[in-house]
């Protein structure tokens, strides 16, 4: 265990804490759960930065880092779908979750072919992640029954995140297309 792996593990531990606080019937639950989500996002960036800087990449980190990220995002989206109960949040969340499943499967399959680097994280993927994390944070921070300013900006950025999600999925699928269309 090294510090980057501890940070990844912390994200996993934060998930049930995040859920409990978000569902706890107190006024401050929304802002605190948004702060926990932001902390998880920061530890995602920090563990990757430290692993590269200190040359502490491990198989555990390579496997668990994306798993922890996806779990936190999916759990947050499920909570938002439940809380907002809107078609917009449901559709954009379904788009984001579906893309994550497709790209995870694509990366695994390409890795089996020895071509993982052709579907490595791209700039558009990183930009998609920033928009996604920002939109989720904004939507978490606002009381869904009030839908104030955070919610408004959260909805706008969720639309942007969903559009970038679709775009980035096509970028990855296009990169993998030569392998996808081959017959053996």
N, C-alpha and C. Protein backbone atom coordinates (compact mmCIF):
# COMPACT_ATOMS: atom_id res chain seq x y z
N UNK A 1 0.85 -1.19 0.00
CA UNK A 1 0.00 0.00 0.00
C UNK A 1 0.89 1.25 0.00
N UNK A 2 0.58 2.15 -0.89
CA UNK A 2 1.26 3.43 -0.94
C UNK A 2 0.20 4.53 -0.87
N UNK A 3 0.62 5.78 -0.84
CA UNK A 3 -0.33 6.89 -0.69
C UNK A 3 -1.34 6.94 -1.84
N UNK A 4 -0.92 6.80 -3.11
CA UNK A 4 -1.93 6.81 -4.17
C UNK A 4 -2.98 5.71 -3.99
N UNK A 5 -2.56 4.51 -3.58
CA UNK A 5 -3.52 3.42 -3.36
C UNK A 5 -4.43 3.69 -2.16
N UNK A 6 -3.89 4.33 -1.15
CA UNK A 6 -4.70 4.70 0.01
C UNK A 6 -5.77 5.71 -0.40
N UNK A 7 -5.39 6.66 -1.25
CA UNK A 7 -6.36 7.65 -1.74
C UNK A 7 -7.46 6.99 -2.57
N UNK A 8 -7.08 6.02 -3.40
CA UNK A 8 -8.07 5.28 -4.18
C UNK A 8 -9.01 4.53 -3.25
N UNK A 9 -8.45 3.88 -2.24
CA UNK A 9 -9.26 3.14 -1.27
C UNK A 9 -10.18 4.08 -0.49
N UNK A 10 -9.68 5.27 -0.20
CA UNK A 10 -10.51 6.27 0.50
C UNK A 10 -11.77 6.59 -0.30
N UNK A 11 -11.63 6.68 -1.62
CA UNK A 11 -12.81 6.94 -2.46
C UNK A 11 -13.85 5.84 -2.30
N UNK A 12 -13.39 4.61 -2.21
CA UNK A 12 -14.33 3.49 -2.03
C UNK A 12 -15.03 3.58 -0.68
N UNK A 13 -14.29 3.96 0.35
CA UNK A 13 -14.85 4.09 1.70
C UNK A 13 -15.83 5.27 1.76
N UNK A 14 -15.56 6.29 0.98
CA UNK A 14 -16.43 7.47 0.98
C UNK A 14 -17.81 7.19 0.38
N UNK A 15 -17.94 6.18 -0.45
CA UNK A 15 -19.22 5.93 -1.13
C UNK A 15 -20.37 5.71 -0.15
N UNK A 16 -20.26 4.77 0.80
CA UNK A 16 -21.40 4.61 1.72
C UNK A 16 -21.62 5.84 2.61
N UNK A 17 -20.54 6.52 2.98
CA UNK A 17 -20.67 7.75 3.77
C UNK A 17 -21.44 8.79 2.96
N UNK A 18 -21.07 8.94 1.72
CA UNK A 18 -21.72 9.86 0.79
C UNK A 18 -23.21 9.55 0.68
N UNK A 19 -23.56 8.30 0.48
CA UNK A 19 -24.97 7.90 0.33
C UNK A 19 -25.74 8.20 1.62
N UNK A 20 -25.18 7.81 2.76
CA UNK A 20 -25.88 8.02 4.03
C UNK A 20 -26.12 9.51 4.30
N UNK A 21 -25.10 10.32 4.04
CA UNK A 21 -25.28 11.76 4.28
C UNK A 21 -26.30 12.34 3.32
N UNK A 22 -26.25 11.95 2.05
CA UNK A 22 -27.20 12.49 1.08
C UNK A 22 -28.64 12.13 1.45
N UNK A 23 -28.84 10.95 1.98
CA UNK A 23 -30.19 10.50 2.31
C UNK A 23 -30.63 10.87 3.73
N UNK A 24 -29.71 11.35 4.54
CA UNK A 24 -30.02 11.73 5.92
C UNK A 24 -30.93 12.96 5.91
N UNK A 25 -32.04 12.95 6.65
CA UNK A 25 -33.02 14.04 6.56
C UNK A 25 -32.64 15.31 7.34
N UNK A 26 -31.58 15.97 6.88
CA UNK A 26 -31.18 17.25 7.49
C UNK A 26 -30.94 18.25 6.36
N UNK A 27 -31.05 19.54 6.69
CA UNK A 27 -30.93 20.58 5.67
C UNK A 27 -29.54 20.62 5.01
N UNK A 28 -28.49 20.33 5.77
CA UNK A 28 -27.13 20.47 5.26
C UNK A 28 -26.66 19.28 4.43
N UNK A 29 -27.51 18.27 4.25
CA UNK A 29 -27.07 17.05 3.57
C UNK A 29 -26.63 17.28 2.13
N UNK A 30 -27.26 18.20 1.42
CA UNK A 30 -26.95 18.40 0.01
C UNK A 30 -25.56 19.00 -0.17
N UNK A 31 -25.28 20.04 0.57
CA UNK A 31 -23.98 20.69 0.42
C UNK A 31 -22.85 19.79 0.91
N UNK A 32 -23.08 19.05 2.00
CA UNK A 32 -22.04 18.16 2.52
C UNK A 32 -21.79 16.99 1.56
N UNK A 33 -22.85 16.44 0.99
CA UNK A 33 -22.64 15.35 0.03
C UNK A 33 -21.93 15.86 -1.22
N UNK A 34 -22.21 17.09 -1.64
CA UNK A 34 -21.49 17.68 -2.78
C UNK A 34 -20.01 17.86 -2.43
N UNK A 35 -19.73 18.26 -1.20
CA UNK A 35 -18.32 18.41 -0.77
C UNK A 35 -17.62 17.06 -0.73
N UNK A 36 -18.32 16.02 -0.29
CA UNK A 36 -17.73 14.68 -0.29
C UNK A 36 -17.45 14.23 -1.72
N UNK A 37 -18.38 14.50 -2.62
CA UNK A 37 -18.18 14.15 -4.02
C UNK A 37 -16.98 14.91 -4.59
N UNK A 38 -16.85 16.19 -4.25
CA UNK A 38 -15.70 16.98 -4.69
C UNK A 38 -14.41 16.43 -4.11
N UNK A 39 -14.43 16.02 -2.84
CA UNK A 39 -13.25 15.42 -2.22
C UNK A 39 -12.85 14.15 -2.97
N UNK A 40 -13.83 13.34 -3.32
CA UNK A 40 -13.54 12.12 -4.07
C UNK A 40 -12.92 12.46 -5.42
N UNK A 41 -13.45 13.48 -6.09
CA UNK A 41 -12.89 13.91 -7.37
C UNK A 41 -11.46 14.41 -7.22
N UNK A 42 -11.20 15.15 -6.14
CA UNK A 42 -9.85 15.64 -5.88
C UNK A 42 -8.90 14.48 -5.62
N UNK A 43 -9.33 13.50 -4.83
CA UNK A 43 -8.44 12.36 -4.55
C UNK A 43 -8.17 11.56 -5.82
N UNK A 44 -9.13 11.55 -6.75
CA UNK A 44 -8.90 10.89 -8.04
C UNK A 44 -7.74 11.56 -8.77
N UNK A 45 -7.80 12.88 -8.85
CA UNK A 45 -6.71 13.61 -9.51
C UNK A 45 -5.40 13.41 -8.74
N UNK A 46 -5.46 13.55 -7.41
CA UNK A 46 -4.25 13.50 -6.58
C UNK A 46 -3.59 12.13 -6.63
N UNK A 47 -4.36 11.05 -6.56
CA UNK A 47 -3.71 9.73 -6.57
C UNK A 47 -2.99 9.48 -7.89
N UNK A 48 -3.59 9.91 -9.00
CA UNK A 48 -2.92 9.75 -10.30
C UNK A 48 -1.66 10.60 -10.39
N UNK A 49 -1.76 11.83 -9.92
CA UNK A 49 -0.61 12.74 -9.94
C UNK A 49 0.54 12.16 -9.11
N UNK A 50 0.22 11.73 -7.88
CA UNK A 50 1.26 11.21 -7.00
C UNK A 50 1.85 9.89 -7.52
N UNK A 51 1.00 9.04 -8.07
CA UNK A 51 1.50 7.76 -8.60
C UNK A 51 2.50 8.01 -9.73
N UNK A 52 2.21 8.98 -10.58
CA UNK A 52 3.15 9.29 -11.67
C UNK A 52 4.39 9.99 -11.14
N UNK A 53 4.19 10.99 -10.29
CA UNK A 53 5.32 11.78 -9.78
C UNK A 53 6.29 10.93 -8.95
N UNK A 54 5.75 10.08 -8.10
CA UNK A 54 6.59 9.26 -7.23
C UNK A 54 6.88 7.89 -7.82
N UNK A 55 6.45 7.66 -9.05
CA UNK A 55 6.64 6.37 -9.71
C UNK A 55 6.11 5.22 -8.83
N UNK A 56 4.87 5.39 -8.37
CA UNK A 56 4.25 4.41 -7.48
C UNK A 56 3.02 3.76 -8.11
N UNK A 57 3.03 3.62 -9.41
CA UNK A 57 1.92 2.93 -10.06
C UNK A 57 1.97 1.45 -9.70
N UNK A 58 0.80 0.89 -9.39
CA UNK A 58 0.72 -0.52 -9.01
C UNK A 58 -0.43 -1.18 -9.77
N UNK A 59 -0.41 -2.49 -9.88
CA UNK A 59 -1.56 -3.17 -10.50
C UNK A 59 -2.87 -2.88 -9.76
N UNK A 60 -2.81 -2.84 -8.41
CA UNK A 60 -3.99 -2.51 -7.63
C UNK A 60 -4.54 -1.14 -8.03
N UNK A 61 -3.67 -0.15 -8.09
CA UNK A 61 -4.09 1.20 -8.45
C UNK A 61 -4.62 1.28 -9.87
N UNK A 62 -3.94 0.60 -10.79
CA UNK A 62 -4.38 0.61 -12.19
C UNK A 62 -5.77 0.00 -12.33
N UNK A 63 -6.07 -1.01 -11.53
CA UNK A 63 -7.39 -1.63 -11.58
C UNK A 63 -8.43 -0.84 -10.79
N UNK A 64 -8.11 -0.50 -9.54
CA UNK A 64 -9.11 0.09 -8.64
C UNK A 64 -9.40 1.56 -8.90
N UNK A 65 -8.45 2.32 -9.42
CA UNK A 65 -8.68 3.74 -9.64
C UNK A 65 -9.89 3.98 -10.55
N UNK A 66 -9.94 3.37 -11.75
CA UNK A 66 -11.13 3.61 -12.58
C UNK A 66 -12.40 3.01 -11.99
N UNK A 67 -12.26 1.91 -11.25
CA UNK A 67 -13.44 1.30 -10.62
C UNK A 67 -14.01 2.25 -9.57
N UNK A 68 -13.14 2.80 -8.73
CA UNK A 68 -13.59 3.72 -7.68
C UNK A 68 -14.26 4.95 -8.30
N UNK A 69 -13.67 5.46 -9.36
CA UNK A 69 -14.25 6.63 -10.04
C UNK A 69 -15.64 6.32 -10.57
N UNK A 70 -15.75 5.23 -11.28
CA UNK A 70 -17.03 4.87 -11.90
C UNK A 70 -18.09 4.58 -10.84
N UNK A 71 -17.71 3.91 -9.76
CA UNK A 71 -18.67 3.63 -8.69
C UNK A 71 -19.20 4.91 -8.06
N UNK A 72 -18.30 5.84 -7.78
CA UNK A 72 -18.73 7.10 -7.16
C UNK A 72 -19.67 7.86 -8.09
N UNK A 73 -19.34 7.92 -9.37
CA UNK A 73 -20.17 8.64 -10.33
C UNK A 73 -21.53 7.95 -10.49
N UNK A 74 -21.53 6.64 -10.65
CA UNK A 74 -22.79 5.91 -10.83
C UNK A 74 -23.68 6.05 -9.60
N UNK A 75 -23.11 5.92 -8.42
CA UNK A 75 -23.90 6.06 -7.20
C UNK A 75 -24.49 7.47 -7.11
N UNK A 76 -23.67 8.48 -7.43
CA UNK A 76 -24.17 9.86 -7.39
C UNK A 76 -25.30 10.05 -8.40
N UNK A 77 -25.15 9.51 -9.59
CA UNK A 77 -26.20 9.65 -10.60
C UNK A 77 -27.49 8.94 -10.19
N UNK A 78 -27.36 7.78 -9.58
CA UNK A 78 -28.55 7.06 -9.11
C UNK A 78 -29.26 7.89 -8.04
N UNK A 79 -28.51 8.49 -7.14
CA UNK A 79 -29.13 9.34 -6.11
C UNK A 79 -29.83 10.55 -6.75
N UNK A 80 -29.20 11.13 -7.76
CA UNK A 80 -29.81 12.29 -8.43
C UNK A 80 -31.08 11.89 -9.18
N UNK A 81 -31.05 10.75 -9.86
CA UNK A 81 -32.25 10.27 -10.56
C UNK A 81 -33.38 10.09 -9.55
N UNK A 82 -33.06 9.48 -8.43
CA UNK A 82 -34.06 9.26 -7.38
C UNK A 82 -34.59 10.58 -6.83
N UNK A 83 -33.69 11.51 -6.54
CA UNK A 83 -34.10 12.76 -5.89
C UNK A 83 -34.82 13.72 -6.82
N UNK A 84 -34.32 13.87 -8.02
CA UNK A 84 -34.92 14.83 -8.94
C UNK A 84 -36.16 14.26 -9.61
N UNK A 85 -36.16 12.98 -9.89
CA UNK A 85 -37.33 12.35 -10.51
C UNK A 85 -37.73 13.00 -11.83
N UNK A 86 -36.75 13.48 -12.57
CA UNK A 86 -37.06 14.15 -13.83
C UNK A 86 -36.58 13.33 -15.01
N UNK A 87 -37.27 13.48 -16.12
CA UNK A 87 -36.89 12.78 -17.33
C UNK A 87 -35.50 13.21 -17.79
N UNK A 88 -35.19 14.50 -17.68
CA UNK A 88 -33.90 15.02 -18.11
C UNK A 88 -32.76 14.38 -17.33
N UNK A 89 -32.85 14.37 -16.02
CA UNK A 89 -31.78 13.79 -15.20
C UNK A 89 -31.69 12.29 -15.46
N UNK A 90 -32.82 11.63 -15.62
CA UNK A 90 -32.82 10.19 -15.89
C UNK A 90 -32.14 9.88 -17.22
N UNK A 91 -32.50 10.61 -18.27
CA UNK A 91 -31.90 10.35 -19.59
C UNK A 91 -30.42 10.66 -19.63
N UNK A 92 -30.03 11.81 -19.09
CA UNK A 92 -28.60 12.16 -19.12
C UNK A 92 -27.79 11.19 -18.26
N UNK A 93 -28.35 10.76 -17.14
CA UNK A 93 -27.66 9.78 -16.29
C UNK A 93 -27.53 8.44 -17.01
N UNK A 94 -28.59 8.03 -17.69
CA UNK A 94 -28.54 6.77 -18.45
C UNK A 94 -27.50 6.85 -19.55
N UNK A 95 -27.39 7.99 -20.21
CA UNK A 95 -26.37 8.17 -21.25
C UNK A 95 -24.98 8.03 -20.65
N UNK A 96 -24.75 8.71 -19.54
CA UNK A 96 -23.42 8.69 -18.91
C UNK A 96 -23.07 7.29 -18.43
N UNK A 97 -23.98 6.63 -17.74
CA UNK A 97 -23.72 5.29 -17.22
C UNK A 97 -23.52 4.30 -18.36
N UNK A 98 -24.35 4.38 -19.39
CA UNK A 98 -24.21 3.48 -20.54
C UNK A 98 -22.88 3.65 -21.23
N UNK A 99 -22.45 4.88 -21.40
CA UNK A 99 -21.15 5.14 -22.04
C UNK A 99 -20.03 4.54 -21.21
N UNK A 100 -20.11 4.70 -19.90
CA UNK A 100 -19.05 4.15 -19.04
C UNK A 100 -18.95 2.63 -19.18
N UNK A 101 -20.08 1.97 -19.27
CA UNK A 101 -20.08 0.51 -19.44
C UNK A 101 -19.50 0.14 -20.80
N UNK A 102 -19.93 0.82 -21.85
CA UNK A 102 -19.45 0.53 -23.20
C UNK A 102 -17.94 0.73 -23.29
N UNK A 103 -17.45 1.86 -22.81
CA UNK A 103 -16.02 2.16 -22.93
C UNK A 103 -15.19 1.25 -22.04
N UNK A 104 -15.69 0.92 -20.85
CA UNK A 104 -14.95 -0.03 -20.00
C UNK A 104 -14.83 -1.38 -20.68
N UNK A 105 -15.92 -1.85 -21.27
CA UNK A 105 -15.88 -3.13 -21.99
C UNK A 105 -14.97 -3.04 -23.20
N UNK A 106 -15.02 -1.93 -23.92
CA UNK A 106 -14.17 -1.74 -25.09
C UNK A 106 -12.70 -1.76 -24.70
N UNK A 107 -12.36 -1.06 -23.62
CA UNK A 107 -10.96 -1.03 -23.17
C UNK A 107 -10.48 -2.42 -22.76
N UNK A 108 -11.35 -3.15 -22.06
CA UNK A 108 -10.98 -4.51 -21.66
C UNK A 108 -10.76 -5.39 -22.88
N UNK A 109 -11.65 -5.30 -23.84
CA UNK A 109 -11.53 -6.10 -25.05
C UNK A 109 -10.29 -5.73 -25.85
N UNK A 110 -10.03 -4.43 -25.98
CA UNK A 110 -8.84 -3.98 -26.71
C UNK A 110 -7.57 -4.40 -25.98
N UNK A 111 -7.60 -4.43 -24.65
CA UNK A 111 -6.45 -4.89 -23.89
C UNK A 111 -6.17 -6.36 -24.17
N UNK A 112 -7.22 -7.15 -24.31
CA UNK A 112 -7.05 -8.57 -24.66
C UNK A 112 -6.39 -8.74 -26.01
N UNK A 113 -6.63 -7.79 -26.91
CA UNK A 113 -6.01 -7.83 -28.23
C UNK A 113 -4.62 -7.21 -28.24
N UNK A 114 -4.21 -6.66 -27.09
CA UNK A 114 -2.92 -5.99 -27.00
C UNK A 114 -2.93 -4.60 -27.62
N UNK A 115 -4.09 -3.99 -27.71
CA UNK A 115 -4.23 -2.68 -28.36
C UNK A 115 -4.87 -1.65 -27.44
N UNK A 116 -4.65 -1.79 -26.18
CA UNK A 116 -5.28 -0.88 -25.20
C UNK A 116 -4.93 0.57 -25.46
N UNK A 117 -3.71 0.84 -25.93
CA UNK A 117 -3.30 2.23 -26.12
C UNK A 117 -4.12 2.94 -27.19
N UNK A 118 -4.74 2.19 -28.09
CA UNK A 118 -5.55 2.85 -29.12
C UNK A 118 -6.85 3.40 -28.55
N UNK A 119 -7.22 3.00 -27.33
CA UNK A 119 -8.40 3.57 -26.66
C UNK A 119 -8.01 4.15 -25.30
N UNK A 120 -6.80 4.70 -25.24
CA UNK A 120 -6.35 5.35 -24.01
C UNK A 120 -7.16 6.64 -23.81
N UNK A 121 -7.14 7.14 -22.60
CA UNK A 121 -7.91 8.34 -22.26
C UNK A 121 -7.47 9.49 -23.17
N UNK A 122 -8.44 10.16 -23.77
CA UNK A 122 -8.16 11.26 -24.68
C UNK A 122 -8.48 12.59 -24.01
N UNK A 123 -8.12 13.68 -24.68
CA UNK A 123 -8.43 15.01 -24.16
C UNK A 123 -9.93 15.20 -24.01
N UNK A 124 -10.69 14.74 -25.00
CA UNK A 124 -12.15 14.90 -24.92
C UNK A 124 -12.70 14.10 -23.74
N UNK A 125 -12.09 12.95 -23.45
CA UNK A 125 -12.50 12.15 -22.30
C UNK A 125 -12.25 12.88 -20.99
N UNK A 126 -11.12 13.56 -20.91
CA UNK A 126 -10.82 14.33 -19.70
C UNK A 126 -11.77 15.52 -19.56
N UNK A 127 -12.06 16.19 -20.66
CA UNK A 127 -12.98 17.32 -20.64
C UNK A 127 -14.39 16.85 -20.26
N UNK A 128 -14.78 15.69 -20.77
CA UNK A 128 -16.08 15.09 -20.43
C UNK A 128 -16.15 14.83 -18.93
N UNK A 129 -15.07 14.30 -18.38
CA UNK A 129 -15.03 14.01 -16.95
C UNK A 129 -15.18 15.29 -16.13
N UNK A 130 -14.50 16.35 -16.53
CA UNK A 130 -14.62 17.62 -15.80
C UNK A 130 -16.05 18.14 -15.83
N UNK A 131 -16.68 18.11 -17.00
CA UNK A 131 -18.06 18.59 -17.11
C UNK A 131 -19.01 17.72 -16.29
N UNK A 132 -18.77 16.43 -16.34
CA UNK A 132 -19.60 15.47 -15.61
C UNK A 132 -19.47 15.69 -14.10
N UNK A 133 -18.25 15.80 -13.62
CA UNK A 133 -18.03 15.99 -12.19
C UNK A 133 -18.60 17.32 -11.72
N UNK A 134 -18.44 18.36 -12.54
CA UNK A 134 -19.00 19.66 -12.19
C UNK A 134 -20.51 19.64 -12.13
N UNK A 135 -21.13 19.01 -13.12
CA UNK A 135 -22.59 18.97 -13.14
C UNK A 135 -23.15 18.17 -11.97
N UNK A 136 -22.53 17.05 -11.69
CA UNK A 136 -22.99 16.22 -10.57
C UNK A 136 -22.84 16.97 -9.26
N UNK A 137 -21.70 17.65 -9.08
CA UNK A 137 -21.48 18.41 -7.85
C UNK A 137 -22.54 19.50 -7.68
N UNK A 138 -22.83 20.22 -8.75
CA UNK A 138 -23.84 21.28 -8.67
C UNK A 138 -25.22 20.73 -8.35
N UNK A 139 -25.57 19.62 -8.98
CA UNK A 139 -26.89 19.03 -8.73
C UNK A 139 -26.98 18.44 -7.32
N UNK A 140 -25.89 17.89 -6.82
CA UNK A 140 -25.89 17.36 -5.46
C UNK A 140 -26.02 18.49 -4.43
N UNK A 141 -25.44 19.64 -4.73
CA UNK A 141 -25.38 20.74 -3.76
C UNK A 141 -26.73 21.42 -3.54
N UNK A 142 -27.66 21.20 -4.44
CA UNK A 142 -28.95 21.90 -4.35
C UNK A 142 -30.05 20.94 -3.90
N UNK A 143 -30.97 21.46 -3.14
CA UNK A 143 -32.15 20.69 -2.72
C UNK A 143 -33.03 20.49 -3.95
N UNK A 144 -33.26 19.24 -4.38
CA UNK A 144 -34.05 19.00 -5.58
C UNK A 144 -35.47 19.57 -5.50
N UNK A 145 -36.01 19.74 -4.30
CA UNK A 145 -37.36 20.30 -4.18
C UNK A 145 -37.37 21.81 -4.37
N UNK A 146 -36.22 22.45 -4.20
CA UNK A 146 -36.10 23.91 -4.35
C UNK A 146 -35.61 24.30 -5.74
N UNK A 147 -34.66 23.54 -6.25
CA UNK A 147 -34.03 23.77 -7.55
C UNK A 147 -33.65 25.23 -7.76
N UNK A 148 -32.61 25.63 -7.04
CA UNK A 148 -32.11 26.99 -7.14
C UNK A 148 -31.04 27.15 -8.21
N UNK A 149 -30.13 28.07 -7.96
CA UNK A 149 -29.09 28.42 -8.92
C UNK A 149 -28.14 27.26 -9.21
N UNK A 150 -27.73 26.51 -8.17
CA UNK A 150 -26.86 25.35 -8.39
C UNK A 150 -27.53 24.36 -9.33
N UNK A 151 -28.80 24.15 -9.11
CA UNK A 151 -29.56 23.20 -9.93
C UNK A 151 -29.63 23.67 -11.38
N UNK A 152 -29.87 24.95 -11.58
CA UNK A 152 -29.94 25.49 -12.94
C UNK A 152 -28.62 25.25 -13.68
N UNK A 153 -27.52 25.66 -13.05
CA UNK A 153 -26.21 25.45 -13.68
C UNK A 153 -25.87 23.97 -13.78
N UNK A 154 -26.34 23.20 -12.82
CA UNK A 154 -26.13 21.75 -12.86
C UNK A 154 -26.82 21.11 -14.04
N UNK A 155 -28.05 21.55 -14.33
CA UNK A 155 -28.78 21.03 -15.49
C UNK A 155 -28.09 21.41 -16.80
N UNK A 156 -27.64 22.66 -16.88
CA UNK A 156 -26.94 23.10 -18.09
C UNK A 156 -25.66 22.29 -18.29
N UNK A 157 -24.88 22.16 -17.23
CA UNK A 157 -23.62 21.42 -17.37
C UNK A 157 -23.86 19.91 -17.54
N UNK A 158 -24.98 19.41 -17.04
CA UNK A 158 -25.31 17.99 -17.26
C UNK A 158 -25.61 17.76 -18.73
N UNK A 159 -26.27 18.71 -19.38
CA UNK A 159 -26.51 18.61 -20.82
C UNK A 159 -25.17 18.58 -21.57
N UNK A 160 -24.28 19.49 -21.18
CA UNK A 160 -22.95 19.54 -21.81
C UNK A 160 -22.20 18.23 -21.56
N UNK A 161 -22.26 17.73 -20.33
CA UNK A 161 -21.57 16.47 -19.99
C UNK A 161 -22.13 15.32 -20.81
N UNK A 162 -23.44 15.25 -20.97
CA UNK A 162 -24.05 14.17 -21.76
C UNK A 162 -23.63 14.26 -23.22
N UNK A 163 -23.59 15.48 -23.76
CA UNK A 163 -23.16 15.66 -25.15
C UNK A 163 -21.70 15.25 -25.32
N UNK A 164 -20.84 15.66 -24.38
CA UNK A 164 -19.43 15.26 -24.44
C UNK A 164 -19.26 13.76 -24.23
N UNK A 165 -20.15 13.18 -23.44
CA UNK A 165 -20.13 11.74 -23.21
C UNK A 165 -20.36 10.98 -24.51
N UNK A 166 -21.37 11.42 -25.25
CA UNK A 166 -21.66 10.78 -26.54
C UNK A 166 -20.51 11.00 -27.51
N UNK A 167 -20.02 12.22 -27.58
CA UNK A 167 -18.91 12.55 -28.49
C UNK A 167 -17.69 11.69 -28.16
N UNK A 168 -17.31 11.64 -26.87
CA UNK A 168 -16.11 10.88 -26.50
C UNK A 168 -16.30 9.39 -26.77
N UNK A 169 -17.51 8.88 -26.61
CA UNK A 169 -17.75 7.47 -26.90
C UNK A 169 -17.50 7.19 -28.38
N UNK A 170 -17.97 8.08 -29.24
CA UNK A 170 -17.74 7.89 -30.67
C UNK A 170 -16.26 8.01 -31.02
N UNK A 171 -15.53 8.88 -30.32
CA UNK A 171 -14.08 9.00 -30.55
C UNK A 171 -13.40 7.67 -30.23
N UNK A 172 -13.76 7.08 -29.09
CA UNK A 172 -13.16 5.80 -28.70
C UNK A 172 -13.58 4.67 -29.64
N UNK A 173 -14.85 4.65 -30.01
CA UNK A 173 -15.32 3.60 -30.93
C UNK A 173 -14.67 3.74 -32.30
N UNK A 174 -14.49 4.96 -32.76
CA UNK A 174 -13.81 5.17 -34.04
C UNK A 174 -12.37 4.68 -33.98
N UNK A 175 -11.70 4.94 -32.85
CA UNK A 175 -10.31 4.48 -32.70
C UNK A 175 -10.24 2.95 -32.71
N UNK A 176 -11.27 2.31 -32.18
CA UNK A 176 -11.29 0.84 -32.11
C UNK A 176 -11.92 0.20 -33.34
N UNK A 177 -12.50 1.01 -34.22
CA UNK A 177 -13.26 0.48 -35.35
C UNK A 177 -12.47 -0.51 -36.22
N UNK A 178 -11.20 -0.26 -36.51
CA UNK A 178 -10.48 -1.24 -37.33
C UNK A 178 -10.50 -2.64 -36.71
N UNK A 179 -10.46 -2.73 -35.41
CA UNK A 179 -10.51 -4.04 -34.74
C UNK A 179 -11.93 -4.58 -34.67
N UNK A 180 -12.88 -3.67 -34.52
CA UNK A 180 -14.29 -4.09 -34.40
C UNK A 180 -14.84 -4.65 -35.71
N UNK A 181 -14.35 -4.15 -36.82
CA UNK A 181 -14.91 -4.57 -38.10
C UNK A 181 -14.19 -5.76 -38.73
N UNK A 182 -13.10 -6.21 -38.11
CA UNK A 182 -12.37 -7.34 -38.68
C UNK A 182 -13.15 -8.63 -38.47
N UNK A 183 -12.98 -9.55 -39.40
CA UNK A 183 -13.58 -10.88 -39.28
C UNK A 183 -12.47 -11.89 -39.12
N UNK A 184 -12.69 -12.84 -38.28
CA UNK A 184 -11.66 -13.87 -38.04
C UNK A 184 -12.25 -15.23 -38.16
